[in-house]
Amino acid sequence: MPVILRYKGYKIFFFSNEGDPREPLHVHVRNADASAKFWILPQVGVAESYGLNSQELNELAEVIGDNTQLIERAWHEFFG
């Protein structure tokens, strides 16, 4: 589970096994009480969430959007 970023107690990461065939570029976000999955392309969007309110999701989407290049680079370096 490569962690790409940490933000306010959240881990932003992807799983080392993202399916077969692999799902499109996305990240998972988790803290002690909640989790979400965000698609990265063509734009950042919530795929699913559990325990997060809309304000938290919007804030996380902004952080992910600000770090899209880092996320894409980490994804491609890990998965080849």
PDB file of N, CA and C in Angstrom:
ATOM      1  N   MET A   1       0.849  -1.167   0.000  1.00  0.00           N
ATOM      2  CA  MET A   1       0.000   0.000   0.000  1.00  0.00           C
ATOM      3  C   MET A   1       0.899   1.237   0.000  1.00  0.00           C
ATOM      4  N   PRO A   2       1.328   1.690  -1.167  1.00  0.00           N
ATOM      5  CA  PRO A   2       2.172   2.880  -1.238  1.00  0.00           C
ATOM      6  C   PRO A   2       1.410   4.145  -0.823  1.00  0.00           C
ATOM      7  N   VAL A   3       1.873   4.801   0.227  1.00  0.00           N
ATOM      8  CA  VAL A   3       1.284   6.063   0.667  1.00  0.00           C
ATOM      9  C   VAL A   3       1.958   7.189  -0.102  1.00  0.00           C
ATOM     10  N   ILE A   4       1.145   7.991  -0.778  1.00  0.00           N
ATOM     11  CA  ILE A   4       1.673   9.080  -1.601  1.00  0.00           C
ATOM     12  C   ILE A   4       1.752  10.367  -0.793  1.00  0.00           C
ATOM     13  N   LEU A   5       0.708  10.648  -0.022  1.00  0.00           N
ATOM     14  CA  LEU A   5       0.634  11.873   0.769  1.00  0.00           C
ATOM     15  C   LEU A   5       0.000  11.586   2.118  1.00  0.00           C
ATOM     16  N   ARG A   6       0.288  12.465   3.051  1.00  0.00           N
ATOM     17  CA  ARG A   6      -0.435  12.500   4.324  1.00  0.00           C
ATOM     18  C   ARG A   6      -0.939  13.927   4.484  1.00  0.00           C
ATOM     19  N   TYR A   7      -2.199  14.036   4.894  1.00  0.00           N
ATOM     20  CA  TYR A   7      -2.809  15.358   5.022  1.00  0.00           C
ATOM     21  C   TYR A   7      -3.808  15.333   6.174  1.00  0.00           C
ATOM     22  N   LYS A   8      -3.544  16.113   7.205  1.00  0.00           N
ATOM     23  CA  LYS A   8      -4.451  16.258   8.347  1.00  0.00           C
ATOM     24  C   LYS A   8      -4.964  14.922   8.882  1.00  0.00           C
ATOM     25  N   GLY A   9      -4.089  13.971   9.041  1.00  0.00           N
ATOM     26  CA  GLY A   9      -4.474  12.673   9.579  1.00  0.00           C
ATOM     27  C   GLY A   9      -4.980  11.683   8.545  1.00  0.00           C
ATOM     28  N   TYR A  10      -5.081  12.096   7.293  1.00  0.00           N
ATOM     29  CA  TYR A  10      -5.501  11.210   6.200  1.00  0.00           C
ATOM     30  C   TYR A  10      -4.273  10.649   5.500  1.00  0.00           C
ATOM     31  N   LYS A  11      -4.360   9.409   5.088  1.00  0.00           N
ATOM     32  CA  LYS A  11      -3.369   8.812   4.202  1.00  0.00           C
ATOM     33  C   LYS A  11      -3.983   8.806   2.810  1.00  0.00           C
ATOM     34  N   ILE A  12      -3.230   9.246   1.827  1.00  0.00           N
ATOM     35  CA  ILE A  12      -3.651   9.210   0.430  1.00  0.00           C
ATOM     36  C   ILE A  12      -2.732   8.201  -0.242  1.00  0.00           C
ATOM     37  N   PHE A  13      -3.316   7.135  -0.784  1.00  0.00           N
ATOM     38  CA  PHE A  13      -2.525   5.989  -1.220  1.00  0.00           C
ATOM     39  C   PHE A  13      -3.239   5.237  -2.332  1.00  0.00           C
ATOM     40  N   PHE A  14      -2.550   4.248  -2.873  1.00  0.00           N
ATOM     41  CA  PHE A  14      -3.199   3.262  -3.732  1.00  0.00           C
ATOM     42  C   PHE A  14      -2.766   1.887  -3.256  1.00  0.00           C
ATOM     43  N   PHE A  15      -3.560   0.897  -3.610  1.00  0.00           N
ATOM     44  CA  PHE A  15      -3.229  -0.475  -3.244  1.00  0.00           C
ATOM     45  C   PHE A  15      -2.231  -1.038  -4.241  1.00  0.00           C
ATOM     46  N   SER A  16      -1.378  -1.924  -3.795  1.00  0.00           N
ATOM     47  CA  SER A  16      -0.400  -2.519  -4.704  1.00  0.00           C
ATOM     48  C   SER A  16      -1.058  -3.473  -5.693  1.00  0.00           C
ATOM     49  N   ASN A  17      -2.265  -3.947  -5.387  1.00  0.00           N
ATOM     50  CA  ASN A  17      -3.038  -4.777  -6.309  1.00  0.00           C
ATOM     51  C   ASN A  17      -4.329  -4.035  -6.614  1.00  0.00           C
ATOM     52  N   GLU A  18      -4.357  -3.338  -7.716  1.00  0.00           N
ATOM     53  CA  GLU A  18      -5.520  -2.528  -8.084  1.00  0.00           C
ATOM     54  C   GLU A  18      -6.404  -3.218  -9.123  1.00  0.00           C
ATOM     55  N   GLY A  19      -6.489  -4.526  -9.028  1.00  0.00           N
ATOM     56  CA  GLY A  19      -7.391  -5.272  -9.889  1.00  0.00           C
ATOM     57  C   GLY A  19      -6.721  -5.811 -11.139  1.00  0.00           C
ATOM     58  N   ASP A  20      -7.412  -6.720 -11.778  1.00  0.00           N
ATOM     59  CA  ASP A  20      -6.943  -7.312 -13.022  1.00  0.00           C
ATOM     60  C   ASP A  20      -8.144  -7.493 -13.941  1.00  0.00           C
ATOM     61  N   PRO A  21      -8.335  -6.653 -14.926  1.00  0.00           N
ATOM     62  CA  PRO A  21      -7.414  -5.581 -15.316  1.00  0.00           C
ATOM     63  C   PRO A  21      -7.422  -4.438 -14.298  1.00  0.00           C
ATOM     64  N   ARG A  22      -6.317  -3.719 -14.256  1.00  0.00           N
ATOM     65  CA  ARG A  22      -6.152  -2.626 -13.297  1.00  0.00           C
ATOM     66  C   ARG A  22      -7.170  -1.518 -13.578  1.00  0.00           C
ATOM     67  N   GLU A  23      -7.736  -0.984 -12.517  1.00  0.00           N
ATOM     68  CA  GLU A  23      -8.656   0.141 -12.644  1.00  0.00           C
ATOM     69  C   GLU A  23      -7.892   1.378 -13.108  1.00  0.00           C
ATOM     70  N   PRO A  24      -8.601   2.363 -13.697  1.00  0.00           N
ATOM     71  CA  PRO A  24      -7.934   3.609 -14.087  1.00  0.00           C
ATOM     72  C   PRO A  24      -7.337   4.325 -12.873  1.00  0.00           C
ATOM     73  N   LEU A  25      -6.477   5.274 -13.153  1.00  0.00           N
ATOM     74  CA  LEU A  25      -5.759   6.032 -12.137  1.00  0.00           C
ATOM     75  C   LEU A  25      -6.711   6.583 -11.076  1.00  0.00           C
ATOM     76  N   HIS A  26      -6.430   6.258  -9.824  1.00  0.00           N
ATOM     77  CA  HIS A  26      -7.236   6.720  -8.696  1.00  0.00           C
ATOM     78  C   HIS A  26      -6.426   6.589  -7.416  1.00  0.00           C
ATOM     79  N   VAL A  27      -6.920   7.198  -6.350  1.00  0.00           N
ATOM     80  CA  VAL A  27      -6.312   7.060  -5.030  1.00  0.00           C
ATOM     81  C   VAL A  27      -7.392   6.734  -4.012  1.00  0.00           C
ATOM     82  N   HIS A  28      -6.958   6.174  -2.919  1.00  0.00           N
ATOM     83  CA  HIS A  28      -7.802   5.918  -1.765  1.00  0.00           C
ATOM     84  C   HIS A  28      -7.358   6.878  -0.669  1.00  0.00           C
ATOM     85  N   VAL A  29      -8.297   7.288   0.151  1.00  0.00           N
ATOM     86  CA  VAL A  29      -8.019   8.182   1.271  1.00  0.00           C
ATOM     87  C   VAL A  29      -8.623   7.543   2.509  1.00  0.00           C
ATOM     88  N   ARG A  30      -7.854   7.540   3.598  1.00  0.00           N
ATOM     89  CA  ARG A  30      -8.357   6.900   4.815  1.00  0.00           C
ATOM     90  C   ARG A  30      -7.817   7.623   6.042  1.00  0.00           C
ATOM     91  N   ASN A  31      -8.678   7.760   7.040  1.00  0.00           N
ATOM     92  CA  ASN A  31      -8.236   8.133   8.380  1.00  0.00           C
ATOM     93  C   ASN A  31      -8.813   7.089   9.327  1.00  0.00           C
ATOM     94  N   ALA A  32      -8.783   7.337  10.610  1.00  0.00           N
ATOM     95  CA  ALA A  32      -9.224   6.322  11.574  1.00  0.00           C
ATOM     96  C   ALA A  32     -10.693   5.955  11.422  1.00  0.00           C
ATOM     97  N   ASP A  33     -11.523   6.903  10.960  1.00  0.00           N
ATOM     98  CA  ASP A  33     -12.970   6.699  10.963  1.00  0.00           C
ATOM     99  C   ASP A  33     -13.632   6.691   9.593  1.00  0.00           C
ATOM    100  N   ALA A  34     -12.919   7.037   8.545  1.00  0.00           N
ATOM    101  CA  ALA A  34     -13.574   7.237   7.256  1.00  0.00           C
ATOM    102  C   ALA A  34     -12.640   6.852   6.113  1.00  0.00           C
ATOM    103  N   SER A  35     -13.245   6.671   4.933  1.00  0.00           N
ATOM    104  CA  SER A  35     -12.445   6.366   3.749  1.00  0.00           C
ATOM    105  C   SER A  35     -13.177   6.860   2.502  1.00  0.00           C
ATOM    106  N   ALA A  36     -12.408   7.012   1.439  1.00  0.00           N
ATOM    107  CA  ALA A  36     -12.967   7.435   0.159  1.00  0.00           C
ATOM    108  C   ALA A  36     -12.048   6.967  -0.961  1.00  0.00           C
ATOM    109  N   LYS A  37     -12.596   6.984  -2.148  1.00  0.00           N
ATOM    110  CA  LYS A  37     -11.833   6.671  -3.355  1.00  0.00           C
ATOM    111  C   LYS A  37     -12.091   7.816  -4.331  1.00  0.00           C
ATOM    112  N   PHE A  38     -11.019   8.338  -4.929  1.00  0.00           N
ATOM    113  CA  PHE A  38     -11.114   9.445  -5.869  1.00  0.00           C
ATOM    114  C   PHE A  38     -10.519   9.046  -7.210  1.00  0.00           C
ATOM    115  N   TRP A  39     -11.276   9.246  -8.279  1.00  0.00           N
ATOM    116  CA  TRP A  39     -10.726   9.135  -9.625  1.00  0.00           C
ATOM    117  C   TRP A  39      -9.874  10.366  -9.851  1.00  0.00           C
ATOM    118  N   ILE A  40      -8.822  10.239 -10.630  1.00  0.00           N
ATOM    119  CA  ILE A  40      -7.924  11.354 -10.900  1.00  0.00           C
ATOM    120  C   ILE A  40      -8.194  11.975 -12.271  1.00  0.00           C
ATOM    121  N   LEU A  41      -8.424  11.154 -13.265  1.00  0.00           N
ATOM    122  CA  LEU A  41      -8.609  11.635 -14.637  1.00  0.00           C
ATOM    123  C   LEU A  41      -9.995  11.265 -15.163  1.00  0.00           C
ATOM    124  N   PRO A  42     -10.627  12.049 -15.982  1.00  0.00           N
ATOM    125  CA  PRO A  42     -10.110  13.290 -16.576  1.00  0.00           C
ATOM    126  C   PRO A  42     -10.085  14.463 -15.606  1.00  0.00           C
ATOM    127  N   GLN A  43     -10.814  14.370 -14.499  1.00  0.00           N
ATOM    128  CA  GLN A  43     -10.722  15.366 -13.430  1.00  0.00           C
ATOM    129  C   GLN A  43     -10.960  14.658 -12.107  1.00  0.00           C
ATOM    130  N   VAL A  44     -10.505  15.256 -11.037  1.00  0.00           N
ATOM    131  CA  VAL A  44     -10.655  14.643  -9.720  1.00  0.00           C
ATOM    132  C   VAL A  44     -12.142  14.567  -9.369  1.00  0.00           C
ATOM    133  N   GLY A  45     -12.568  13.375  -8.962  1.00  0.00           N
ATOM    134  CA  GLY A  45     -13.957  13.173  -8.575  1.00  0.00           C
ATOM    135  C   GLY A  45     -14.077  12.024  -7.594  1.00  0.00           C
ATOM    136  N   VAL A  46     -15.085  12.110  -6.756  1.00  0.00           N
ATOM    137  CA  VAL A  46     -15.314  11.073  -5.745  1.00  0.00           C
ATOM    138  C   VAL A  46     -15.945   9.854  -6.400  1.00  0.00           C
ATOM    139  N   ALA A  47     -15.323   8.704  -6.217  1.00  0.00           N
ATOM    140  CA  ALA A  47     -15.877   7.443  -6.706  1.00  0.00           C
ATOM    141  C   ALA A  47     -16.786   6.830  -5.646  1.00  0.00           C
ATOM    142  N   GLU A  48     -16.356   6.902  -4.379  1.00  0.00           N
ATOM    143  CA  GLU A  48     -17.150   6.384  -3.262  1.00  0.00           C
ATOM    144  C   GLU A  48     -16.591   6.975  -1.978  1.00  0.00           C
ATOM    145  N   SER A  49     -17.428   7.050  -0.965  1.00  0.00           N
ATOM    146  CA  SER A  49     -16.949   7.540   0.326  1.00  0.00           C
ATOM    147  C   SER A  49     -17.790   6.964   1.445  1.00  0.00           C
ATOM    148  N   TYR A  50     -17.169   6.831   2.595  1.00  0.00           N
ATOM    149  CA  TYR A  50     -17.811   6.299   3.791  1.00  0.00           C
ATOM    150  C   TYR A  50     -17.355   7.126   4.987  1.00  0.00           C
ATOM    151  N   GLY A  51     -18.284   7.818   5.609  1.00  0.00           N
ATOM    152  CA  GLY A  51     -17.985   8.548   6.832  1.00  0.00           C
ATOM    153  C   GLY A  51     -17.420   9.939   6.651  1.00  0.00           C
ATOM    154  N   LEU A  52     -17.402  10.453   5.416  1.00  0.00           N
ATOM    155  CA  LEU A  52     -16.900  11.805   5.156  1.00  0.00           C
ATOM    156  C   LEU A  52     -18.061  12.698   4.716  1.00  0.00           C
ATOM    157  N   ASN A  53     -18.061  13.939   5.197  1.00  0.00           N
ATOM    158  CA  ASN A  53     -19.109  14.857   4.765  1.00  0.00           C
ATOM    159  C   ASN A  53     -18.647  15.608   3.513  1.00  0.00           C
ATOM    160  N   SER A  54     -19.528  16.391   2.935  1.00  0.00           N
ATOM    161  CA  SER A  54     -19.213  17.061   1.671  1.00  0.00           C
ATOM    162  C   SER A  54     -18.068  18.062   1.818  1.00  0.00           C
ATOM    163  N   GLN A  55     -17.974  18.726   2.963  1.00  0.00           N
ATOM    164  CA  GLN A  55     -16.877  19.666   3.175  1.00  0.00           C
ATOM    165  C   GLN A  55     -15.533  18.936   3.179  1.00  0.00           C
ATOM    166  N   GLU A  56     -15.470  17.813   3.863  1.00  0.00           N
ATOM    167  CA  GLU A  56     -14.239  17.022   3.906  1.00  0.00           C
ATOM    168  C   GLU A  56     -13.887  16.494   2.512  1.00  0.00           C
ATOM    169  N   LEU A  57     -14.883  16.008   1.780  1.00  0.00           N
ATOM    170  CA  LEU A  57     -14.638  15.492   0.432  1.00  0.00           C
ATOM    171  C   LEU A  57     -14.129  16.593  -0.490  1.00  0.00           C
ATOM    172  N   ASN A  58     -14.725  17.777  -0.390  1.00  0.00           N
ATOM    173  CA  ASN A  58     -14.264  18.896  -1.222  1.00  0.00           C
ATOM    174  C   ASN A  58     -12.831  19.290  -0.886  1.00  0.00           C
ATOM    175  N   GLU A  59     -12.510  19.325   0.395  1.00  0.00           N
ATOM    176  CA  GLU A  59     -11.154  19.669   0.810  1.00  0.00           C
ATOM    177  C   GLU A  59     -10.153  18.630   0.310  1.00  0.00           C
ATOM    178  N   LEU A  60     -10.502  17.369   0.452  1.00  0.00           N
ATOM    179  CA  LEU A  60      -9.621  16.299  -0.030  1.00  0.00           C
ATOM    180  C   LEU A  60      -9.478  16.328  -1.542  1.00  0.00           C
ATOM    181  N   ALA A  61     -10.568  16.595  -2.249  1.00  0.00           N
ATOM    182  CA  ALA A  61     -10.504  16.688  -3.710  1.00  0.00           C
ATOM    183  C   ALA A  61      -9.566  17.811  -4.132  1.00  0.00           C
ATOM    184  N   GLU A  62      -9.590  18.913  -3.407  1.00  0.00           N
ATOM    185  CA  GLU A  62      -8.690  20.023  -3.727  1.00  0.00           C
ATOM    186  C   GLU A  62      -7.232  19.630  -3.500  1.00  0.00           C
ATOM    187  N   VAL A  63      -6.949  18.961  -2.394  1.00  0.00           N
ATOM    188  CA  VAL A  63      -5.586  18.507  -2.100  1.00  0.00           C
ATOM    189  C   VAL A  63      -5.117  17.528  -3.178  1.00  0.00           C
ATOM    190  N   ILE A  64      -5.984  16.613  -3.537  1.00  0.00           N
ATOM    191  CA  ILE A  64      -5.629  15.636  -4.576  1.00  0.00           C
ATOM    192  C   ILE A  64      -5.409  16.348  -5.908  1.00  0.00           C
ATOM    193  N   GLY A  65      -6.290  17.287  -6.244  1.00  0.00           N
ATOM    194  CA  GLY A  65      -6.129  18.048  -7.478  1.00  0.00           C
ATOM    195  C   GLY A  65      -4.822  18.819  -7.512  1.00  0.00           C
ATOM    196  N   ASP A  66      -4.420  19.384  -6.377  1.00  0.00           N
ATOM    197  CA  ASP A  66      -3.167  20.135  -6.301  1.00  0.00           C
ATOM    198  C   ASP A  66      -1.948  19.229  -6.431  1.00  0.00           C
ATOM    199  N   ASN A  67      -2.134  17.930  -6.238  1.00  0.00           N
ATOM    200  CA  ASN A  67      -1.021  16.977  -6.272  1.00  0.00           C
ATOM    201  C   ASN A  67      -1.168  15.927  -7.364  1.00  0.00           C
ATOM    202  N   THR A  68      -1.939  16.247  -8.382  1.00  0.00           N
ATOM    203  CA  THR A  68      -2.202  15.283  -9.459  1.00  0.00           C
ATOM    204  C   THR A  68      -0.913  14.791 -10.114  1.00  0.00           C
ATOM    205  N   GLN A  69       0.022  15.690 -10.380  1.00  0.00           N
ATOM    206  CA  GLN A  69       1.263  15.273 -11.039  1.00  0.00           C
ATOM    207  C   GLN A  69       2.049  14.295 -10.169  1.00  0.00           C
ATOM    208  N   LEU A  70       2.129  14.567  -8.886  1.00  0.00           N
ATOM    209  CA  LEU A  70       2.809  13.670  -7.960  1.00  0.00           C
ATOM    210  C   LEU A  70       2.121  12.302  -7.937  1.00  0.00           C
ATOM    211  N   ILE A  71       0.811  12.306  -7.895  1.00  0.00           N
ATOM    212  CA  ILE A  71       0.038  11.057  -7.860  1.00  0.00           C
ATOM    213  C   ILE A  71       0.248  10.261  -9.142  1.00  0.00           C
ATOM    214  N   GLU A  72       0.139  10.931 -10.282  1.00  0.00           N
ATOM    215  CA  GLU A  72       0.355  10.244 -11.568  1.00  0.00           C
ATOM    216  C   GLU A  72       1.755   9.654 -11.653  1.00  0.00           C
ATOM    217  N   ARG A  73       2.746  10.413 -11.238  1.00  0.00           N
ATOM    218  CA  ARG A  73       4.128   9.929 -11.296  1.00  0.00           C
ATOM    219  C   ARG A  73       4.314   8.711 -10.398  1.00  0.00           C
ATOM    220  N   ALA A  74       3.780   8.755  -9.173  1.00  0.00           N
ATOM    221  CA  ALA A  74       3.892   7.633  -8.251  1.00  0.00           C
ATOM    222  C   ALA A  74       3.194   6.399  -8.809  1.00  0.00           C
ATOM    223  N   TRP A  75       2.020   6.578  -9.400  1.00  0.00           N
ATOM    224  CA  TRP A  75       1.248   5.473  -9.991  1.00  0.00           C
ATOM    225  C   TRP A  75       2.070   4.805 -11.097  1.00  0.00           C
ATOM    226  N   HIS A  76       2.589   5.617 -12.023  1.00  0.00           N
ATOM    227  CA  HIS A  76       3.319   5.061 -13.158  1.00  0.00           C
ATOM    228  C   HIS A  76       4.668   4.459 -12.737  1.00  0.00           C
ATOM    229  N   GLU A  77       5.298   5.030 -11.743  1.00  0.00           N
ATOM    230  CA  GLU A  77       6.556   4.440 -11.256  1.00  0.00           C
ATOM    231  C   GLU A  77       6.281   3.081 -10.595  1.00  0.00           C
ATOM    232  N   PHE A  78       5.172   2.977  -9.878  1.00  0.00           N
ATOM    233  CA  PHE A  78       4.876   1.723  -9.179  1.00  0.00           C
ATOM    234  C   PHE A  78       4.378   0.651 -10.149  1.00  0.00           C
ATOM    235  N   PHE A  79       3.420   1.013 -11.014  1.00  0.00           N
ATOM    236  CA  PHE A  79       2.811   0.019 -11.890  1.00  0.00           C
ATOM    237  C   PHE A  79       3.521  -0.127 -13.235  1.00  0.00           C
ATOM    238  N   GLY A  80       4.424   0.785 -13.550  1.00  0.00           N
ATOM    239  CA  GLY A  80       5.191   0.668 -14.786  1.00  0.00           C
ATOM    240  C   GLY A  80       4.542   1.174 -16.003  1.00  0.00           C
TER     241      GLY A  80
END
